[in-house]
Amino acid sequence: MQIKLHQNGWTGLVEDLDFAKITQQEVNQLAEFLATNTLVVVRGQQHLTVQDEVRVADMFGNAEDF
């Protein structure tokens, strides 16, 4: 997973990430980035099932922890 800032300086662009195969460590890195940036874009996730989406959302846990 690679996170880069867009030229606007506040949008995170995530590359080389598949939410269907995401690890807890990657979720933690992404959550920390989300906590300090306004928007994070992860393209190419249209193949996810509802179960995948729910599993990943649960991996983020309580957003107040960040």
Protein backbone atom coordinates (compact mmCIF):
# COMPACT_ATOMS: atom_id res chain seq x y z
CA MET A 1 0.00 0.00 0.00
CA GLN A 2 1.23 3.45 -0.93
CA ILE A 3 -0.37 6.69 0.23
CA LYS A 4 0.46 9.90 -1.60
CA LEU A 5 -0.92 13.39 -1.21
CA HIS A 6 -2.73 14.89 -4.17
CA GLN A 7 -1.35 18.17 -5.45
CA ASN A 8 -4.08 20.00 -3.50
CA GLY A 9 -2.22 19.03 -0.32
CA TRP A 10 -5.10 17.46 1.59
CA THR A 11 -6.46 14.51 -0.42
CA GLY A 12 -4.76 11.17 0.13
CA LEU A 13 -4.46 8.86 -2.87
CA VAL A 14 -4.00 5.19 -1.98
CA GLU A 15 -2.40 2.84 -4.51
CA ASP A 16 -1.68 -0.88 -4.49
CA LEU A 17 -4.41 -1.76 -2.00
CA ASP A 18 -7.13 -4.39 -2.28
CA PHE A 19 -9.69 -4.13 0.53
CA ALA A 20 -10.58 -7.79 -0.02
CA LYS A 21 -7.03 -8.68 1.11
CA ILE A 22 -6.27 -5.82 3.50
CA THR A 23 -4.40 -6.61 6.71
CA GLN A 24 -5.02 -5.14 10.14
CA GLN A 25 -1.67 -3.36 9.92
CA GLU A 26 -2.73 -1.69 6.65
CA VAL A 27 -6.08 -0.72 8.20
CA ASN A 28 -4.24 0.87 11.12
CA GLN A 29 -1.95 2.85 8.77
CA LEU A 30 -4.92 3.98 6.71
CA ALA A 31 -6.89 4.95 9.83
CA GLU A 32 -4.03 7.10 11.11
CA PHE A 33 -3.83 8.83 7.75
CA LEU A 34 -7.61 9.33 7.69
CA ALA A 35 -7.48 10.92 11.12
CA THR A 36 -5.23 13.72 9.86
CA ASN A 37 -6.50 14.24 6.30
CA THR A 38 -9.83 15.39 4.93
CA LEU A 39 -10.29 12.77 2.23
CA VAL A 40 -8.68 9.51 1.17
CA VAL A 41 -9.37 7.98 -2.25
CA VAL A 42 -8.92 4.26 -2.91
CA ARG A 43 -9.81 3.34 -6.48
CA GLY A 44 -10.55 -0.06 -7.99
CA GLN A 45 -12.62 -1.58 -5.20
CA GLN A 46 -15.77 -2.33 -7.20
CA HIS A 47 -15.20 -6.10 -6.89
CA LEU A 48 -15.89 -6.10 -3.13
CA THR A 49 -18.86 -7.98 -1.77
CA VAL A 50 -21.04 -6.57 0.98
CA GLN A 51 -19.40 -9.05 3.35
CA ASP A 52 -15.96 -7.68 2.37
CA GLU A 53 -17.12 -4.13 3.03
CA VAL A 54 -18.55 -5.02 6.45
CA ARG A 55 -15.41 -6.95 7.42
CA VAL A 56 -13.15 -4.02 6.51
CA ALA A 57 -15.38 -1.49 8.28
CA ASP A 58 -15.26 -3.64 11.43
CA MET A 59 -11.45 -3.71 11.21
CA PHE A 60 -11.38 0.08 11.68
CA GLY A 61 -13.11 -0.23 15.04
CA ASN A 62 -13.95 2.90 17.00
CA ALA A 63 -12.84 6.01 15.10
CA GLU A 64 -12.49 7.94 18.37
CA ASP A 65 -9.39 5.87 19.14
CA PHE A 66 -7.55 7.78 16.44
